[in-house]
Amino acid sequence: LYFSAQEGMLFFYHIKDAQYEMKICTDILQPISSLIFSPDYTILLLITDQGTVYTYKPAHSREAVKLLDACSSCFLAADFLTPGNKYCVSVTASAEVQVWLLEDGTCLSKLNLNIEVHVS
């Protein structure tokens, strides 16, 4: 079980039978608003309240890596494009949908929706 605290820390609870162990995985120093696992559960997207997107690889990493930085408009939501773990899609507060390469954060495509966007 992965969860985040208001301070930007990502925690992991390992639960087995009546026993559990909690550990701190990473601290990104910004409140985390969303956690999204890739379809094969190898990558976790962390989206902050400020609109920055980080990747975290539970099996290989102790640190989250900043993938997308909120520049002119905050990222409201992001998710993986399936199948696979190669791309993600995001939507910004200014209603721009973007497709990103997860490897290095390269923006591959963008589309402005020209509508008001809300995330629930």
C-alpha atoms as a PDB file:
ATOM      1  CA  LEU A   1       0.000   0.000   0.000  1.00  0.00           C
ATOM      2  CA  TYR A   2       1.489   3.339  -1.088  1.00  0.00           C
ATOM      3  CA  PHE A   3       0.206   6.649   0.239  1.00  0.00           C
ATOM      4  CA  SER A   4       1.393  10.219   0.601  1.00  0.00           C
ATOM      5  CA  ALA A   5       1.401  12.724   3.422  1.00  0.00           C
ATOM      6  CA  GLN A   6       0.622  16.419   3.116  1.00  0.00           C
ATOM      7  CA  GLU A   7       4.324  17.310   3.385  1.00  0.00           C
ATOM      8  CA  GLY A   8       5.239  15.472   0.167  1.00  0.00           C
ATOM      9  CA  MET A   9       6.485  12.201   1.590  1.00  0.00           C
ATOM     10  CA  LEU A  10       5.648   8.921  -0.121  1.00  0.00           C
ATOM     11  CA  PHE A  11       5.116   6.017   2.281  1.00  0.00           C
ATOM     12  CA  PHE A  12       4.875   2.271   1.759  1.00  0.00           C
ATOM     13  CA  TYR A  13       2.980  -0.085   4.075  1.00  0.00           C
ATOM     14  CA  HIS A  14       3.917  -3.744   3.709  1.00  0.00           C
ATOM     15  CA  ILE A  15       1.008  -5.713   5.171  1.00  0.00           C
ATOM     16  CA  LYS A  16       1.160  -9.453   5.759  1.00  0.00           C
ATOM     17  CA  ASP A  17      -1.403 -11.218   7.913  1.00  0.00           C
ATOM     18  CA  ALA A  18      -1.655  -9.195  11.157  1.00  0.00           C
ATOM     19  CA  GLN A  19       1.814  -7.659  10.784  1.00  0.00           C
ATOM     20  CA  TYR A  20       2.751  -4.455   8.985  1.00  0.00           C
ATOM     21  CA  GLU A  21       5.844  -2.401   8.337  1.00  0.00           C
ATOM     22  CA  MET A  22       5.942   1.223   7.211  1.00  0.00           C
ATOM     23  CA  LYS A  23       8.824   2.906   5.410  1.00  0.00           C
ATOM     24  CA  ILE A  24       9.440   6.283   3.823  1.00  0.00           C
ATOM     25  CA  CYS A  25      10.149   5.853   0.111  1.00  0.00           C
ATOM     26  CA  THR A  26      10.924   9.396  -0.994  1.00  0.00           C
ATOM     27  CA  ASP A  27      10.293  13.025  -0.100  1.00  0.00           C
ATOM     28  CA  ILE A  28       9.587  15.504  -2.910  1.00  0.00           C
ATOM     29  CA  LEU A  29       9.021  18.472  -0.566  1.00  0.00           C
ATOM     30  CA  GLN A  30       5.667  19.354  -2.210  1.00  0.00           C
ATOM     31  CA  PRO A  31       2.208  18.105  -1.233  1.00  0.00           C
ATOM     32  CA  ILE A  32       1.195  15.157  -3.448  1.00  0.00           C
ATOM     33  CA  SER A  33      -2.324  15.314  -4.874  1.00  0.00           C
ATOM     34  CA  SER A  34      -2.376  12.062  -6.926  1.00  0.00           C
ATOM     35  CA  LEU A  35      -0.610   8.707  -7.121  1.00  0.00           C
ATOM     36  CA  ILE A  36      -1.048   6.643 -10.304  1.00  0.00           C
ATOM     37  CA  PHE A  37       0.552   3.258 -10.997  1.00  0.00           C
ATOM     38  CA  SER A  38       1.542   2.146 -14.476  1.00  0.00           C
ATOM     39  CA  PRO A  39      -0.418  -0.839 -15.834  1.00  0.00           C
ATOM     40  CA  ASP A  40       2.376  -3.244 -14.858  1.00  0.00           C
ATOM     41  CA  TYR A  41       2.958  -1.540 -11.466  1.00  0.00           C
ATOM     42  CA  THR A  42       6.627  -0.730 -12.160  1.00  0.00           C
ATOM     43  CA  ILE A  43       6.302   3.090 -12.223  1.00  0.00           C
ATOM     44  CA  LEU A  44       4.349   5.406  -9.969  1.00  0.00           C
ATOM     45  CA  LEU A  45       3.399   8.908 -11.140  1.00  0.00           C
ATOM     46  CA  LEU A  46       3.308  11.485  -8.338  1.00  0.00           C
ATOM     47  CA  ILE A  47       1.394  14.683  -9.115  1.00  0.00           C
ATOM     48  CA  THR A  48       1.844  17.591  -6.734  1.00  0.00           C
ATOM     49  CA  ASP A  49      -0.555  20.329  -5.678  1.00  0.00           C
ATOM     50  CA  GLN A  50       1.695  22.770  -7.580  1.00  0.00           C
ATOM     51  CA  GLY A  51       1.227  20.731 -10.758  1.00  0.00           C
ATOM     52  CA  THR A  52       4.632  19.066 -11.043  1.00  0.00           C
ATOM     53  CA  VAL A  53       4.802  15.401 -12.102  1.00  0.00           C
ATOM     54  CA  TYR A  54       7.414  12.979 -10.726  1.00  0.00           C
ATOM     55  CA  THR A  55       8.137   9.334 -11.524  1.00  0.00           C
ATOM     56  CA  TYR A  56       9.070   6.817  -8.854  1.00  0.00           C
ATOM     57  CA  LYS A  57      10.205   3.243  -9.539  1.00  0.00           C
ATOM     58  CA  PRO A  58       9.535   1.231  -6.359  1.00  0.00           C
ATOM     59  CA  ALA A  59      11.822  -1.676  -7.262  1.00  0.00           C
ATOM     60  CA  HIS A  60      14.798   0.386  -8.465  1.00  0.00           C
ATOM     61  CA  SER A  61      14.823   3.763  -6.803  1.00  0.00           C
ATOM     62  CA  ARG A  62      14.988   5.633  -3.563  1.00  0.00           C
ATOM     63  CA  GLU A  63      14.306   9.017  -5.165  1.00  0.00           C
ATOM     64  CA  ALA A  64      11.496  10.387  -7.275  1.00  0.00           C
ATOM     65  CA  VAL A  65      12.577  11.952 -10.577  1.00  0.00           C
ATOM     66  CA  LYS A  66      10.966  15.167 -11.783  1.00  0.00           C
ATOM     67  CA  LEU A  67       9.395  14.429 -15.156  1.00  0.00           C
ATOM     68  CA  LEU A  68       7.261  17.498 -15.854  1.00  0.00           C
ATOM     69  CA  ASP A  69       7.485  20.891 -14.226  1.00  0.00           C
ATOM     70  CA  ALA A  70       4.509  23.205 -14.059  1.00  0.00           C
ATOM     71  CA  CYS A  71       5.672  26.252 -15.979  1.00  0.00           C
ATOM     72  CA  SER A  72       2.910  28.485 -17.234  1.00  0.00           C
ATOM     73  CA  SER A  73       0.030  26.224 -16.268  1.00  0.00           C
ATOM     74  CA  CYS A  74      -0.311  23.581 -13.555  1.00  0.00           C
ATOM     75  CA  PHE A  75      -0.830  19.963 -14.456  1.00  0.00           C
ATOM     76  CA  LEU A  76      -4.219  18.941 -13.082  1.00  0.00           C
ATOM     77  CA  ALA A  77      -3.980  15.245 -13.873  1.00  0.00           C
ATOM     78  CA  ALA A  78      -1.741  12.711 -15.567  1.00  0.00           C
ATOM     79  CA  ASP A  79      -1.992   9.050 -16.436  1.00  0.00           C
ATOM     80  CA  PHE A  80      -0.216   6.368 -18.443  1.00  0.00           C
ATOM     81  CA  LEU A  81      -1.071   5.684 -22.073  1.00  0.00           C
ATOM     82  CA  THR A  82      -1.537   1.969 -22.454  1.00  0.00           C
ATOM     83  CA  PRO A  83      -0.393  -0.516 -23.446  1.00  0.00           C
ATOM     84  CA  GLY A  84       3.024  -0.229 -21.861  1.00  0.00           C
ATOM     85  CA  ASN A  85       4.856   2.333 -19.747  1.00  0.00           C
ATOM     86  CA  LYS A  86       6.466   4.453 -22.447  1.00  0.00           C
ATOM     87  CA  TYR A  87       4.105   7.456 -22.529  1.00  0.00           C
ATOM     88  CA  CYS A  88       1.907   9.493 -20.247  1.00  0.00           C
ATOM     89  CA  VAL A  89      -0.818  12.032 -20.948  1.00  0.00           C
ATOM     90  CA  SER A  90      -1.511  15.144 -18.899  1.00  0.00           C
ATOM     91  CA  VAL A  91      -4.021  17.954 -18.814  1.00  0.00           C
ATOM     92  CA  THR A  92      -3.205  21.455 -17.580  1.00  0.00           C
ATOM     93  CA  ALA A  93      -5.307  24.126 -15.896  1.00  0.00           C
ATOM     94  CA  SER A  94      -5.300  25.992 -19.219  1.00  0.00           C
ATOM     95  CA  ALA A  95      -7.017  22.968 -20.893  1.00  0.00           C
ATOM     96  CA  GLU A  96      -3.980  21.734 -22.794  1.00  0.00           C
ATOM     97  CA  VAL A  97      -3.689  17.953 -23.240  1.00  0.00           C
ATOM     98  CA  GLN A  98      -0.106  16.763 -23.699  1.00  0.00           C
ATOM     99  CA  VAL A  99       1.543  13.421 -24.460  1.00  0.00           C
ATOM    100  CA  TRP A 100       4.958  12.891 -22.853  1.00  0.00           C
ATOM    101  CA  LEU A 101       7.777  10.400 -23.214  1.00  0.00           C
ATOM    102  CA  LEU A 102       8.326   8.966 -19.726  1.00  0.00           C
ATOM    103  CA  GLU A 103      12.004   8.279 -20.350  1.00  0.00           C
ATOM    104  CA  ASP A 104      13.048  11.945 -20.361  1.00  0.00           C
ATOM    105  CA  GLY A 105       9.920  14.125 -20.224  1.00  0.00           C
ATOM    106  CA  THR A 106       9.950  15.068 -23.920  1.00  0.00           C
ATOM    107  CA  CYS A 107       6.625  16.538 -25.015  1.00  0.00           C
ATOM    108  CA  LEU A 108       5.529  14.611 -28.110  1.00  0.00           C
ATOM    109  CA  SER A 109       2.157  16.189 -28.789  1.00  0.00           C
ATOM    110  CA  LYS A 110      -0.230  18.778 -27.406  1.00  0.00           C
ATOM    111  CA  LEU A 111      -3.785  19.855 -28.038  1.00  0.00           C
ATOM    112  CA  ASN A 112      -5.677  22.811 -26.590  1.00  0.00           C
ATOM    113  CA  LEU A 113      -9.249  21.865 -25.732  1.00  0.00           C
ATOM    114  CA  ASN A 114     -10.468  25.473 -25.520  1.00  0.00           C
ATOM    115  CA  ILE A 115     -12.839  24.577 -22.673  1.00  0.00           C
ATOM    116  CA  GLU A 116     -12.813  24.869 -18.888  1.00  0.00           C
ATOM    117  CA  VAL A 117     -11.192  21.815 -17.293  1.00  0.00           C
ATOM    118  CA  HIS A 118     -12.018  20.276 -13.900  1.00  0.00           C
ATOM    119  CA  VAL A 119     -10.591  17.172 -12.305  1.00  0.00           C
ATOM    120  CA  SER A 120     -12.586  15.070  -9.891  1.00  0.00           C
END
